């Protein structure tokens, strides 16, 4: 495992993003992987979301995408995802991984 305290601190992020339909998540996820902005994306259909939008409580079935990216690519990843995403305000939540196997870090960061 690579821990944050080690030299070359963990550079892997998981980015969560919801989409209105599976097709959107697959199309955009594929484009981000092909552009080298993400190493991998998991598409998880059937997420029930409850949220506030324009002063009202809304409820919708969405698709959750979990991207694995190199942290140094987050700014570029966010710009491209925001431009491609069908929502006005897409959920783009990046979380630094605390502990990641060294081999996985090499793979994710090598996919740049």
PDB file of N, CA and C in Angstrom:
ATOM      1  N   UNK A   1       0.824  -1.194   0.000  1.00  0.00           N
ATOM      2  CA  UNK A   1       0.000   0.000   0.000  1.00  0.00           C
ATOM      3  C   UNK A   1       0.862   1.250   0.000  1.00  0.00           C
ATOM      4  N   UNK A   2       0.378   2.248  -0.674  1.00  0.00           N
ATOM      5  CA  UNK A   2       1.032   3.551  -0.657  1.00  0.00           C
ATOM      6  C   UNK A   2       0.208   4.425   0.275  1.00  0.00           C
ATOM      7  N   UNK A   3       0.820   4.942   1.307  1.00  0.00           N
ATOM      8  CA  UNK A   3       0.124   5.793   2.273  1.00  0.00           C
ATOM      9  C   UNK A   3       0.433   7.248   1.988  1.00  0.00           C
ATOM     10  N   UNK A   4      -0.434   8.168   2.414  1.00  0.00           N
ATOM     11  CA  UNK A   4      -0.219   9.586   2.139  1.00  0.00           C
ATOM     12  C   UNK A   4       1.104  10.128   2.652  1.00  0.00           C
ATOM     13  N   UNK A   5       1.637   9.547   3.717  1.00  0.00           N
ATOM     14  CA  UNK A   5       2.864  10.069   4.305  1.00  0.00           C
ATOM     15  C   UNK A   5       4.095   9.689   3.497  1.00  0.00           C
ATOM     16  N   UNK A   6       3.975   8.694   2.627  1.00  0.00           N
ATOM     17  CA  UNK A   6       5.145   8.234   1.891  1.00  0.00           C
ATOM     18  C   UNK A   6       5.563   9.257   0.847  1.00  0.00           C
ATOM     19  N   UNK A   7       6.806   9.126   0.404  1.00  0.00           N
ATOM     20  CA  UNK A   7       7.263  10.051  -0.637  1.00  0.00           C
ATOM     21  C   UNK A   7       6.443   9.787  -1.888  1.00  0.00           C
ATOM     22  N   UNK A   8       6.151  10.827  -2.634  1.00  0.00           N
ATOM     23  CA  UNK A   8       5.270  10.683  -3.787  1.00  0.00           C
ATOM     24  C   UNK A   8       3.879  10.340  -3.305  1.00  0.00           C
ATOM     25  N   UNK A   9       3.324  11.150  -2.413  1.00  0.00           N
ATOM     26  CA  UNK A   9       2.027  10.893  -1.785  1.00  0.00           C
ATOM     27  C   UNK A   9       1.007  10.382  -2.790  1.00  0.00           C
ATOM     28  N   UNK A  10       0.023   9.721  -2.278  1.00  0.00           N
ATOM     29  CA  UNK A  10      -1.008   9.110  -3.111  1.00  0.00           C
ATOM     30  C   UNK A  10      -1.556  10.131  -4.095  1.00  0.00           C
ATOM     31  N   UNK A  11      -1.579   9.740  -5.320  1.00  0.00           N
ATOM     32  CA  UNK A  11      -2.009  10.641  -6.380  1.00  0.00           C
ATOM     33  C   UNK A  11      -3.290  10.187  -7.041  1.00  0.00           C
ATOM     34  N   UNK A  12      -4.009   9.289  -6.413  1.00  0.00           N
ATOM     35  CA  UNK A  12      -5.239   8.769  -6.997  1.00  0.00           C
ATOM     36  C   UNK A  12      -6.440   9.445  -6.345  1.00  0.00           C
ATOM     37  N   UNK A  13      -7.394   9.829  -7.182  1.00  0.00           N
ATOM     38  CA  UNK A  13      -8.655  10.373  -6.691  1.00  0.00           C
ATOM     39  C   UNK A  13      -9.796   9.522  -7.231  1.00  0.00           C
ATOM     40  N   UNK A  14     -10.854   9.464  -6.445  1.00  0.00           N
ATOM     41  CA  UNK A  14     -12.116   8.905  -6.909  1.00  0.00           C
ATOM     42  C   UNK A  14     -13.041  10.093  -7.084  1.00  0.00           C
ATOM     43  N   UNK A  15     -13.674  10.173  -8.243  1.00  0.00           N
ATOM     44  CA  UNK A  15     -14.580  11.281  -8.523  1.00  0.00           C
ATOM     45  C   UNK A  15     -15.968  10.711  -8.745  1.00  0.00           C
ATOM     46  N   UNK A  16     -16.924  11.220  -7.976  1.00  0.00           N
ATOM     47  CA  UNK A  16     -18.308  10.785  -8.065  1.00  0.00           C
ATOM     48  C   UNK A  16     -19.092  11.778  -8.913  1.00  0.00           C
ATOM     49  N   UNK A  17     -19.917  11.256  -9.804  1.00  0.00           N
ATOM     50  CA  UNK A  17     -20.725  12.111 -10.666  1.00  0.00           C
ATOM     51  C   UNK A  17     -22.002  11.362 -11.036  1.00  0.00           C
ATOM     52  N   UNK A  18     -23.149  12.007 -10.868  1.00  0.00           N
ATOM     53  CA  UNK A  18     -24.405  11.396 -11.275  1.00  0.00           C
ATOM     54  C   UNK A  18     -24.819  11.881 -12.654  1.00  0.00           C
ATOM     55  N   UNK A  19     -25.555  11.030 -13.342  1.00  0.00           N
ATOM     56  CA  UNK A  19     -26.042  11.297 -14.691  1.00  0.00           C
ATOM     57  C   UNK A  19     -27.527  10.954 -14.769  1.00  0.00           C
ATOM     58  N   UNK A  20     -28.247  11.589 -15.691  1.00  0.00           N
ATOM     59  CA  UNK A  20     -29.673  11.294 -15.800  1.00  0.00           C
ATOM     60  C   UNK A  20     -29.954   9.913 -16.392  1.00  0.00           C
ATOM     61  N   UNK A  21     -29.064   9.429 -17.252  1.00  0.00           N
ATOM     62  CA  UNK A  21     -29.285   8.140 -17.911  1.00  0.00           C
ATOM     63  C   UNK A  21     -27.967   7.382 -18.056  1.00  0.00           C
ATOM     64  N   UNK A  22     -28.081   6.056 -18.114  1.00  0.00           N
ATOM     65  CA  UNK A  22     -26.918   5.194 -18.267  1.00  0.00           C
ATOM     66  C   UNK A  22     -26.131   5.556 -19.532  1.00  0.00           C
ATOM     67  N   UNK A  23     -26.829   5.824 -20.611  1.00  0.00           N
ATOM     68  CA  UNK A  23     -26.178   6.127 -21.883  1.00  0.00           C
ATOM     69  C   UNK A  23     -25.273   7.354 -21.758  1.00  0.00           C
ATOM     70  N   UNK A  24     -25.720   8.369 -21.006  1.00  0.00           N
ATOM     71  CA  UNK A  24     -24.894   9.563 -20.791  1.00  0.00           C
ATOM     72  C   UNK A  24     -23.615   9.196 -20.046  1.00  0.00           C
ATOM     73  N   UNK A  25     -23.760   8.410 -18.978  1.00  0.00           N
ATOM     74  CA  UNK A  25     -22.606   8.020 -18.165  1.00  0.00           C
ATOM     75  C   UNK A  25     -21.613   7.202 -18.979  1.00  0.00           C
ATOM     76  N   UNK A  26     -22.107   6.272 -19.778  1.00  0.00           N
ATOM     77  CA  UNK A  26     -21.228   5.423 -20.591  1.00  0.00           C
ATOM     78  C   UNK A  26     -20.536   6.245 -21.674  1.00  0.00           C
ATOM     79  N   UNK A  27     -21.276   7.092 -22.367  1.00  0.00           N
ATOM     80  CA  UNK A  27     -20.703   7.900 -23.449  1.00  0.00           C
ATOM     81  C   UNK A  27     -19.629   8.854 -22.927  1.00  0.00           C
ATOM     82  N   UNK A  28     -19.954   9.573 -21.858  1.00  0.00           N
ATOM     83  CA  UNK A  28     -19.013  10.545 -21.307  1.00  0.00           C
ATOM     84  C   UNK A  28     -17.857   9.839 -20.610  1.00  0.00           C
ATOM     85  N   UNK A  29     -18.165   8.778 -19.873  1.00  0.00           N
ATOM     86  CA  UNK A  29     -17.105   8.006 -19.215  1.00  0.00           C
ATOM     87  C   UNK A  29     -16.113   7.441 -20.210  1.00  0.00           C
ATOM     88  N   UNK A  30     -16.619   6.900 -21.308  1.00  0.00           N
ATOM     89  CA  UNK A  30     -15.750   6.358 -22.352  1.00  0.00           C
ATOM     90  C   UNK A  30     -14.866   7.455 -22.944  1.00  0.00           C
ATOM     91  N   UNK A  31     -15.449   8.605 -23.198  1.00  0.00           N
ATOM     92  CA  UNK A  31     -14.672   9.722 -23.765  1.00  0.00           C
ATOM     93  C   UNK A  31     -13.564  10.161 -22.820  1.00  0.00           C
ATOM     94  N   UNK A  32     -13.845  10.215 -21.524  1.00  0.00           N
ATOM     95  CA  UNK A  32     -12.829  10.636 -20.558  1.00  0.00           C
ATOM     96  C   UNK A  32     -11.716   9.606 -20.432  1.00  0.00           C
ATOM     97  N   UNK A  33     -12.058   8.330 -20.503  1.00  0.00           N
ATOM     98  CA  UNK A  33     -11.036   7.282 -20.478  1.00  0.00           C
ATOM     99  C   UNK A  33     -10.208   7.348 -21.762  1.00  0.00           C
ATOM    100  N   UNK A  34     -10.870   7.490 -22.903  1.00  0.00           N
ATOM    101  CA  UNK A  34     -10.142   7.545 -24.172  1.00  0.00           C
ATOM    102  C   UNK A  34      -9.213   8.751 -24.260  1.00  0.00           C
ATOM    103  N   UNK A  35      -9.586   9.869 -23.624  1.00  0.00           N
ATOM    104  CA  UNK A  35      -8.738  11.070 -23.623  1.00  0.00           C
ATOM    105  C   UNK A  35      -7.624  10.993 -22.580  1.00  0.00           C
ATOM    106  N   UNK A  36      -7.610   9.933 -21.775  1.00  0.00           N
ATOM    107  CA  UNK A  36      -6.583   9.781 -20.755  1.00  0.00           C
ATOM    108  C   UNK A  36      -6.822  10.612 -19.507  1.00  0.00           C
ATOM    109  N   UNK A  37      -8.030  11.156 -19.363  1.00  0.00           N
ATOM    110  CA  UNK A  37      -8.341  11.954 -18.172  1.00  0.00           C
ATOM    111  C   UNK A  37      -8.829  11.093 -17.021  1.00  0.00           C
ATOM    112  N   UNK A  38      -9.232   9.876 -17.312  1.00  0.00           N
ATOM    113  CA  UNK A  38      -9.631   8.911 -16.281  1.00  0.00           C
ATOM    114  C   UNK A  38      -9.029   7.562 -16.656  1.00  0.00           C
ATOM    115  N   UNK A  39      -8.640   6.808 -15.651  1.00  0.00           N
ATOM    116  CA  UNK A  39      -8.109   5.469 -15.904  1.00  0.00           C
ATOM    117  C   UNK A  39      -9.239   4.460 -16.018  1.00  0.00           C
ATOM    118  N   UNK A  40     -10.327   4.728 -15.299  1.00  0.00           N
ATOM    119  CA  UNK A  40     -11.409   3.765 -15.186  1.00  0.00           C
ATOM    120  C   UNK A  40     -12.671   4.490 -14.750  1.00  0.00           C
ATOM    121  N   UNK A  41     -13.816   3.959 -15.126  1.00  0.00           N
ATOM    122  CA  UNK A  41     -15.088   4.472 -14.620  1.00  0.00           C
ATOM    123  C   UNK A  41     -16.016   3.294 -14.353  1.00  0.00           C
ATOM    124  N   UNK A  42     -16.644   3.307 -13.195  1.00  0.00           N
ATOM    125  CA  UNK A  42     -17.670   2.327 -12.870  1.00  0.00           C
ATOM    126  C   UNK A  42     -19.017   3.012 -13.045  1.00  0.00           C
ATOM    127  N   UNK A  43     -19.920   2.388 -13.783  1.00  0.00           N
ATOM    128  CA  UNK A  43     -21.248   2.935 -14.013  1.00  0.00           C
ATOM    129  C   UNK A  43     -22.229   2.121 -13.180  1.00  0.00           C
ATOM    130  N   UNK A  44     -22.886   2.806 -12.242  1.00  0.00           N
ATOM    131  CA  UNK A  44     -23.766   2.151 -11.283  1.00  0.00           C
ATOM    132  C   UNK A  44     -25.194   2.673 -11.446  1.00  0.00           C
ATOM    133  N   UNK A  45     -26.027   1.965 -12.192  1.00  0.00           N
ATOM    134  CA  UNK A  45     -27.393   2.432 -12.401  1.00  0.00           C
ATOM    135  C   UNK A  45     -28.265   2.215 -11.167  1.00  0.00           C
ATOM    136  N   UNK A  46     -29.423   2.853 -11.168  1.00  0.00           N
ATOM    137  CA  UNK A  46     -30.406   2.611 -10.115  1.00  0.00           C
ATOM    138  C   UNK A  46     -30.192   3.390  -8.841  1.00  0.00           C
ATOM    139  N   UNK A  47     -29.572   4.570  -8.912  1.00  0.00           N
ATOM    140  CA  UNK A  47     -29.359   5.397  -7.727  1.00  0.00           C
ATOM    141  C   UNK A  47     -30.571   6.315  -7.570  1.00  0.00           C
ATOM    142  N   UNK A  48     -31.155   6.324  -6.409  1.00  0.00           N
ATOM    143  CA  UNK A  48     -32.281   7.218  -6.119  1.00  0.00           C
ATOM    144  C   UNK A  48     -31.738   8.467  -5.446  1.00  0.00           C
ATOM    145  N   UNK A  49     -31.971   9.618  -6.048  1.00  0.00           N
ATOM    146  CA  UNK A  49     -31.448  10.878  -5.521  1.00  0.00           C
ATOM    147  C   UNK A  49     -32.579  11.779  -5.059  1.00  0.00           C
ATOM    148  N   UNK A  50     -32.385  12.395  -3.918  1.00  0.00           N
ATOM    149  CA  UNK A  50     -33.317  13.381  -3.367  1.00  0.00           C
ATOM    150  C   UNK A  50     -32.488  14.633  -3.135  1.00  0.00           C
ATOM    151  N   UNK A  51     -32.927  15.756  -3.697  1.00  0.00           N
ATOM    152  CA  UNK A  51     -32.106  16.962  -3.664  1.00  0.00           C
ATOM    153  C   UNK A  51     -32.980  18.204  -3.789  1.00  0.00           C
ATOM    154  N   UNK A  52     -32.389  19.356  -3.467  1.00  0.00           N
ATOM    155  CA  UNK A  52     -33.072  20.644  -3.645  1.00  0.00           C
ATOM    156  C   UNK A  52     -32.624  21.243  -4.964  1.00  0.00           C
ATOM    157  N   UNK A  53     -33.570  21.728  -5.747  1.00  0.00           N
ATOM    158  CA  UNK A  53     -33.254  22.396  -6.999  1.00  0.00           C
ATOM    159  C   UNK A  53     -34.277  23.491  -7.239  1.00  0.00           C
ATOM    160  N   UNK A  54     -33.793  24.696  -7.398  1.00  0.00           N
ATOM    161  CA  UNK A  54     -34.633  25.861  -7.648  1.00  0.00           C
ATOM    162  C   UNK A  54     -35.757  25.977  -6.618  1.00  0.00           C
ATOM    163  N   UNK A  55     -35.383  25.784  -5.349  1.00  0.00           N
ATOM    164  CA  UNK A  55     -36.302  25.980  -4.240  1.00  0.00           C
ATOM    165  C   UNK A  55     -37.251  24.839  -3.952  1.00  0.00           C
ATOM    166  N   UNK A  56     -37.151  23.750  -4.680  1.00  0.00           N
ATOM    167  CA  UNK A  56     -38.047  22.608  -4.470  1.00  0.00           C
ATOM    168  C   UNK A  56     -37.256  21.349  -4.169  1.00  0.00           C
ATOM    169  N   UNK A  57     -37.863  20.479  -3.382  1.00  0.00           N
ATOM    170  CA  UNK A  57     -37.270  19.166  -3.150  1.00  0.00           C
ATOM    171  C   UNK A  57     -37.663  18.274  -4.319  1.00  0.00           C
ATOM    172  N   UNK A  58     -36.655  17.681  -4.944  1.00  0.00           N
ATOM    173  CA  UNK A  58     -36.860  16.822  -6.106  1.00  0.00           C
ATOM    174  C   UNK A  58     -36.414  15.401  -5.784  1.00  0.00           C
ATOM    175  N   UNK A  59     -36.899  14.465  -6.563  1.00  0.00           N
ATOM    176  CA  UNK A  59     -36.499  13.068  -6.438  1.00  0.00           C
ATOM    177  C   UNK A  59     -36.368  12.511  -7.849  1.00  0.00           C
ATOM    178  N   UNK A  60     -35.278  11.809  -8.116  1.00  0.00           N
ATOM    179  CA  UNK A  60     -35.048  11.270  -9.454  1.00  0.00           C
ATOM    180  C   UNK A  60     -34.198  10.013  -9.384  1.00  0.00           C
ATOM    181  N   UNK A  61     -34.424   9.125 -10.331  1.00  0.00           N
ATOM    182  CA  UNK A  61     -33.537   7.981 -10.478  1.00  0.00           C
ATOM    183  C   UNK A  61     -32.385   8.431 -11.372  1.00  0.00           C
ATOM    184  N   UNK A  62     -31.162   8.173 -10.920  1.00  0.00           N
ATOM    185  CA  UNK A  62     -29.982   8.588 -11.649  1.00  0.00           C
ATOM    186  C   UNK A  62     -29.015   7.422 -11.779  1.00  0.00           C
ATOM    187  N   UNK A  63     -27.929   7.678 -12.463  1.00  0.00           N
ATOM    188  CA  UNK A  63     -26.844   6.716 -12.618  1.00  0.00           C
ATOM    189  C   UNK A  63     -25.608   7.341 -12.001  1.00  0.00           C
ATOM    190  N   UNK A  64     -24.947   6.615 -11.118  1.00  0.00           N
ATOM    191  CA  UNK A  64     -23.733   7.102 -10.480  1.00  0.00           C
ATOM    192  C   UNK A  64     -22.518   6.576 -11.237  1.00  0.00           C
ATOM    193  N   UNK A  65     -21.619   7.471 -11.579  1.00  0.00           N
ATOM    194  CA  UNK A  65     -20.342   7.072 -12.177  1.00  0.00           C
ATOM    195  C   UNK A  65     -19.245   7.370 -11.159  1.00  0.00           C
ATOM    196  N   UNK A  66     -18.361   6.405 -10.986  1.00  0.00           N
ATOM    197  CA  UNK A  66     -17.220   6.562 -10.098  1.00  0.00           C
ATOM    198  C   UNK A  66     -15.971   6.468 -10.965  1.00  0.00           C
ATOM    199  N   UNK A  67     -15.291   7.597 -11.096  1.00  0.00           N
ATOM    200  CA  UNK A  67     -14.094   7.680 -11.913  1.00  0.00           C
ATOM    201  C   UNK A  67     -12.865   7.521 -11.030  1.00  0.00           C
ATOM    202  N   UNK A  68     -11.846   6.827 -11.525  1.00  0.00           N
ATOM    203  CA  UNK A  68     -10.545   6.771 -10.868  1.00  0.00           C
ATOM    204  C   UNK A  68      -9.592   7.563 -11.741  1.00  0.00           C
ATOM    205  N   UNK A  69      -9.000   8.611 -11.145  1.00  0.00           N
ATOM    206  CA  UNK A  69      -8.152   9.508 -11.924  1.00  0.00           C
ATOM    207  C   UNK A  69      -6.869   9.824 -11.164  1.00  0.00           C
ATOM    208  N   UNK A  70      -5.892  10.310 -11.909  1.00  0.00           N
ATOM    209  CA  UNK A  70      -4.687  10.860 -11.303  1.00  0.00           C
ATOM    210  C   UNK A  70      -5.045  12.258 -10.790  1.00  0.00           C
ATOM    211  N   UNK A  71      -4.697  12.549  -9.550  1.00  0.00           N
ATOM    212  CA  UNK A  71      -5.062  13.830  -8.942  1.00  0.00           C
ATOM    213  C   UNK A  71      -4.532  15.026  -9.731  1.00  0.00           C
ATOM    214  N   UNK A  72      -3.394  14.878 -10.373  1.00  0.00           N
ATOM    215  CA  UNK A  72      -2.834  16.000 -11.128  1.00  0.00           C
ATOM    216  C   UNK A  72      -3.677  16.339 -12.354  1.00  0.00           C
ATOM    217  N   UNK A  73      -4.560  15.448 -12.753  1.00  0.00           N
ATOM    218  CA  UNK A  73      -5.419  15.683 -13.918  1.00  0.00           C
ATOM    219  C   UNK A  73      -6.801  16.213 -13.539  1.00  0.00           C
ATOM    220  N   UNK A  74      -7.052  16.427 -12.239  1.00  0.00           N
ATOM    221  CA  UNK A  74      -8.406  16.794 -11.808  1.00  0.00           C
ATOM    222  C   UNK A  74      -8.925  18.059 -12.490  1.00  0.00           C
ATOM    223  N   UNK A  75      -8.132  19.104 -12.577  1.00  0.00           N
ATOM    224  CA  UNK A  75      -8.599  20.365 -13.167  1.00  0.00           C
ATOM    225  C   UNK A  75      -9.042  20.157 -14.619  1.00  0.00           C
ATOM    226  N   UNK A  76      -8.231  19.468 -15.410  1.00  0.00           N
ATOM    227  CA  UNK A  76      -8.594  19.190 -16.801  1.00  0.00           C
ATOM    228  C   UNK A  76      -9.817  18.277 -16.871  1.00  0.00           C
ATOM    229  N   UNK A  77      -9.836  17.259 -16.020  1.00  0.00           N
ATOM    230  CA  UNK A  77     -10.970  16.328 -15.960  1.00  0.00           C
ATOM    231  C   UNK A  77     -12.258  17.086 -15.672  1.00  0.00           C
ATOM    232  N   UNK A  78     -12.229  17.965 -14.687  1.00  0.00           N
ATOM    233  CA  UNK A  78     -13.424  18.724 -14.300  1.00  0.00           C
ATOM    234  C   UNK A  78     -13.924  19.617 -15.442  1.00  0.00           C
ATOM    235  N   UNK A  79     -13.016  20.280 -16.127  1.00  0.00           N
ATOM    236  CA  UNK A  79     -13.408  21.156 -17.243  1.00  0.00           C
ATOM    237  C   UNK A  79     -14.104  20.354 -18.343  1.00  0.00           C
ATOM    238  N   UNK A  80     -13.494  19.257 -18.747  1.00  0.00           N
ATOM    239  CA  UNK A  80     -14.062  18.450 -19.834  1.00  0.00           C
ATOM    240  C   UNK A  80     -15.386  17.823 -19.404  1.00  0.00           C
ATOM    241  N   UNK A  81     -15.435  17.262 -18.207  1.00  0.00           N
ATOM    242  CA  UNK A  81     -16.678  16.653 -17.733  1.00  0.00           C
ATOM    243  C   UNK A  81     -17.796  17.688 -17.656  1.00  0.00           C
ATOM    244  N   UNK A  82     -17.505  18.864 -17.146  1.00  0.00           N
ATOM    245  CA  UNK A  82     -18.519  19.920 -17.041  1.00  0.00           C
ATOM    246  C   UNK A  82     -19.068  20.304 -18.413  1.00  0.00           C
ATOM    247  N   UNK A  83     -18.203  20.384 -19.408  1.00  0.00           N
ATOM    248  CA  UNK A  83     -18.643  20.756 -20.763  1.00  0.00           C
ATOM    249  C   UNK A  83     -19.495  19.673 -21.410  1.00  0.00           C
ATOM    250  N   UNK A  84     -19.190  18.413 -21.121  1.00  0.00           N
ATOM    251  CA  UNK A  84     -19.903  17.299 -21.748  1.00  0.00           C
ATOM    252  C   UNK A  84     -21.192  16.918 -21.027  1.00  0.00           C
ATOM    253  N   UNK A  85     -21.299  17.260 -19.763  1.00  0.00           N
ATOM    254  CA  UNK A  85     -22.390  16.793 -18.911  1.00  0.00           C
ATOM    255  C   UNK A  85     -23.708  17.474 -19.267  1.00  0.00           C
ATOM    256  N   UNK A  86     -24.818  16.719 -19.252  1.00  0.00           N
ATOM    257  CA  UNK A  86     -26.112  17.313 -19.593  1.00  0.00           C
ATOM    258  C   UNK A  86     -26.726  18.201 -18.500  1.00  0.00           C
ATOM    259  N   UNK A  87     -26.270  18.101 -17.253  1.00  0.00           N
ATOM    260  CA  UNK A  87     -26.839  18.917 -16.182  1.00  0.00           C
ATOM    261  C   UNK A  87     -26.230  20.318 -16.187  1.00  0.00           C
ATOM    262  N   UNK A  88     -27.021  21.308 -15.743  1.00  0.00           N
ATOM    263  CA  UNK A  88     -26.515  22.675 -15.576  1.00  0.00           C
ATOM    264  C   UNK A  88     -25.426  22.724 -14.506  1.00  0.00           C
ATOM    265  N   UNK A  89     -25.642  21.989 -13.426  1.00  0.00           N
ATOM    266  CA  UNK A  89     -24.691  21.936 -12.312  1.00  0.00           C
ATOM    267  C   UNK A  89     -24.416  20.463 -12.004  1.00  0.00           C
ATOM    268  N   UNK A  90     -23.467  19.858 -12.715  1.00  0.00           N
ATOM    269  CA  UNK A  90     -23.197  18.443 -12.453  1.00  0.00           C
ATOM    270  C   UNK A  90     -22.504  18.231 -11.110  1.00  0.00           C
ATOM    271  N   UNK A  91     -22.807  17.097 -10.510  1.00  0.00           N
ATOM    272  CA  UNK A  91     -22.109  16.679  -9.288  1.00  0.00           C
ATOM    273  C   UNK A  91     -20.727  16.195  -9.707  1.00  0.00           C
ATOM    274  N   UNK A  92     -19.704  16.903  -9.279  1.00  0.00           N
ATOM    275  CA  UNK A  92     -18.320  16.474  -9.526  1.00  0.00           C
ATOM    276  C   UNK A  92     -17.617  16.568  -8.180  1.00  0.00           C
ATOM    277  N   UNK A  93     -17.510  15.425  -7.504  1.00  0.00           N
ATOM    278  CA  UNK A  93     -16.956  15.384  -6.157  1.00  0.00           C
ATOM    279  C   UNK A  93     -15.719  14.490  -6.177  1.00  0.00           C
ATOM    280  N   UNK A  94     -14.560  15.096  -6.017  1.00  0.00           N
ATOM    281  CA  UNK A  94     -13.304  14.355  -6.015  1.00  0.00           C
ATOM    282  C   UNK A  94     -12.819  14.111  -4.605  1.00  0.00           C
ATOM    283  N   UNK A  95     -12.439  12.883  -4.334  1.00  0.00           N
ATOM    284  CA  UNK A  95     -11.948  12.492  -3.015  1.00  0.00           C
ATOM    285  C   UNK A  95     -10.580  11.836  -3.187  1.00  0.00           C
ATOM    286  N   UNK A  96      -9.592  12.342  -2.468  1.00  0.00           N
ATOM    287  CA  UNK A  96      -8.262  11.733  -2.510  1.00  0.00           C
ATOM    288  C   UNK A  96      -8.307  10.392  -1.786  1.00  0.00           C
ATOM    289  N   UNK A  97      -7.752   9.384  -2.404  1.00  0.00           N
ATOM    290  CA  UNK A  97      -7.697   8.057  -1.798  1.00  0.00           C
ATOM    291  C   UNK A  97      -6.641   8.061  -0.700  1.00  0.00           C
ATOM    292  N   UNK A  98      -6.985   7.586   0.481  1.00  0.00           N
ATOM    293  CA  UNK A  98      -6.061   7.561   1.608  1.00  0.00           C
ATOM    294  C   UNK A  98      -4.984   6.496   1.461  1.00  0.00           C
ATOM    295  N   UNK A  99      -5.389   5.323   1.051  1.00  0.00           N
ATOM    296  CA  UNK A  99      -4.446   4.213   0.899  1.00  0.00           C
ATOM    297  C   UNK A  99      -4.786   3.460  -0.371  1.00  0.00           C
ATOM    298  N   UNK A 100      -3.779   3.275  -1.204  1.00  0.00           N
ATOM    299  CA  UNK A 100      -3.979   2.632  -2.498  1.00  0.00           C
ATOM    300  C   UNK A 100      -2.790   1.715  -2.742  1.00  0.00           C
ATOM    301  N   UNK A 101      -3.038   0.550  -3.305  1.00  0.00           N
ATOM    302  CA  UNK A 101      -1.911  -0.334  -3.588  1.00  0.00           C
ATOM    303  C   UNK A 101      -0.980   0.351  -4.586  1.00  0.00           C
ATOM    304  N   UNK A 102       0.299   0.122  -4.413  1.00  0.00           N
ATOM    305  CA  UNK A 102       1.304   0.758  -5.270  1.00  0.00           C
ATOM    306  C   UNK A 102       1.088   0.403  -6.737  1.00  0.00           C
ATOM    307  N   UNK A 103       0.711  -0.835  -6.996  1.00  0.00           N
ATOM    308  CA  UNK A 103       0.487  -1.263  -8.376  1.00  0.00           C
ATOM    309  C   UNK A 103      -0.694  -0.509  -8.989  1.00  0.00           C
ATOM    310  N   UNK A 104      -1.742  -0.267  -8.203  1.00  0.00           N
ATOM    311  CA  UNK A 104      -2.907   0.452  -8.725  1.00  0.00           C
ATOM    312  C   UNK A 104      -2.570   1.918  -8.985  1.00  0.00           C
ATOM    313  N   UNK A 105      -1.785   2.517  -8.100  1.00  0.00           N
ATOM    314  CA  UNK A 105      -1.348   3.905  -8.316  1.00  0.00           C
ATOM    315  C   UNK A 105      -0.575   3.995  -9.625  1.00  0.00           C
ATOM    316  N   UNK A 106       0.346   3.069  -9.845  1.00  0.00           N
ATOM    317  CA  UNK A 106       1.121   3.065 -11.083  1.00  0.00           C
ATOM    318  C   UNK A 106       0.202   2.938 -12.289  1.00  0.00           C
ATOM    319  N   UNK A 107      -0.802   2.069 -12.196  1.00  0.00           N
ATOM    320  CA  UNK A 107      -1.721   1.869 -13.308  1.00  0.00           C
ATOM    321  C   UNK A 107      -2.557   3.118 -13.576  1.00  0.00           C
ATOM    322  N   UNK A 108      -3.152   3.688 -12.528  1.00  0.00           N
ATOM    323  CA  UNK A 108      -3.989   4.880 -12.702  1.00  0.00           C
ATOM    324  C   UNK A 108      -3.162   6.033 -13.238  1.00  0.00           C
ATOM    325  N   UNK A 109      -2.017   6.265 -12.647  1.00  0.00           N
ATOM    326  CA  UNK A 109      -1.194   7.399 -13.072  1.00  0.00           C
ATOM    327  C   UNK A 109      -0.499   7.130 -14.401  1.00  0.00           C
ATOM    328  N   UNK A 110      -0.313   5.898 -14.739  1.00  0.00           N
ATOM    329  CA  UNK A 110       0.264   5.544 -16.031  1.00  0.00           C
ATOM    330  C   UNK A 110      -0.727   5.690 -17.166  1.00  0.00           C
ATOM    331  N   UNK A 111      -2.025   5.758 -16.829  1.00  0.00           N
ATOM    332  CA  UNK A 111      -3.065   5.904 -17.853  1.00  0.00           C
ATOM    333  C   UNK A 111      -3.166   7.342 -18.330  1.00  0.00           C
ATOM    334  N   UNK A 112      -2.365   8.243 -17.750  1.00  0.00           N
ATOM    335  CA  UNK A 112      -2.377   9.645 -18.169  1.00  0.00           C
ATOM    336  C   UNK A 112      -1.974   9.723 -19.600  1.00  0.00           C
TER     337      UNK A 112
END
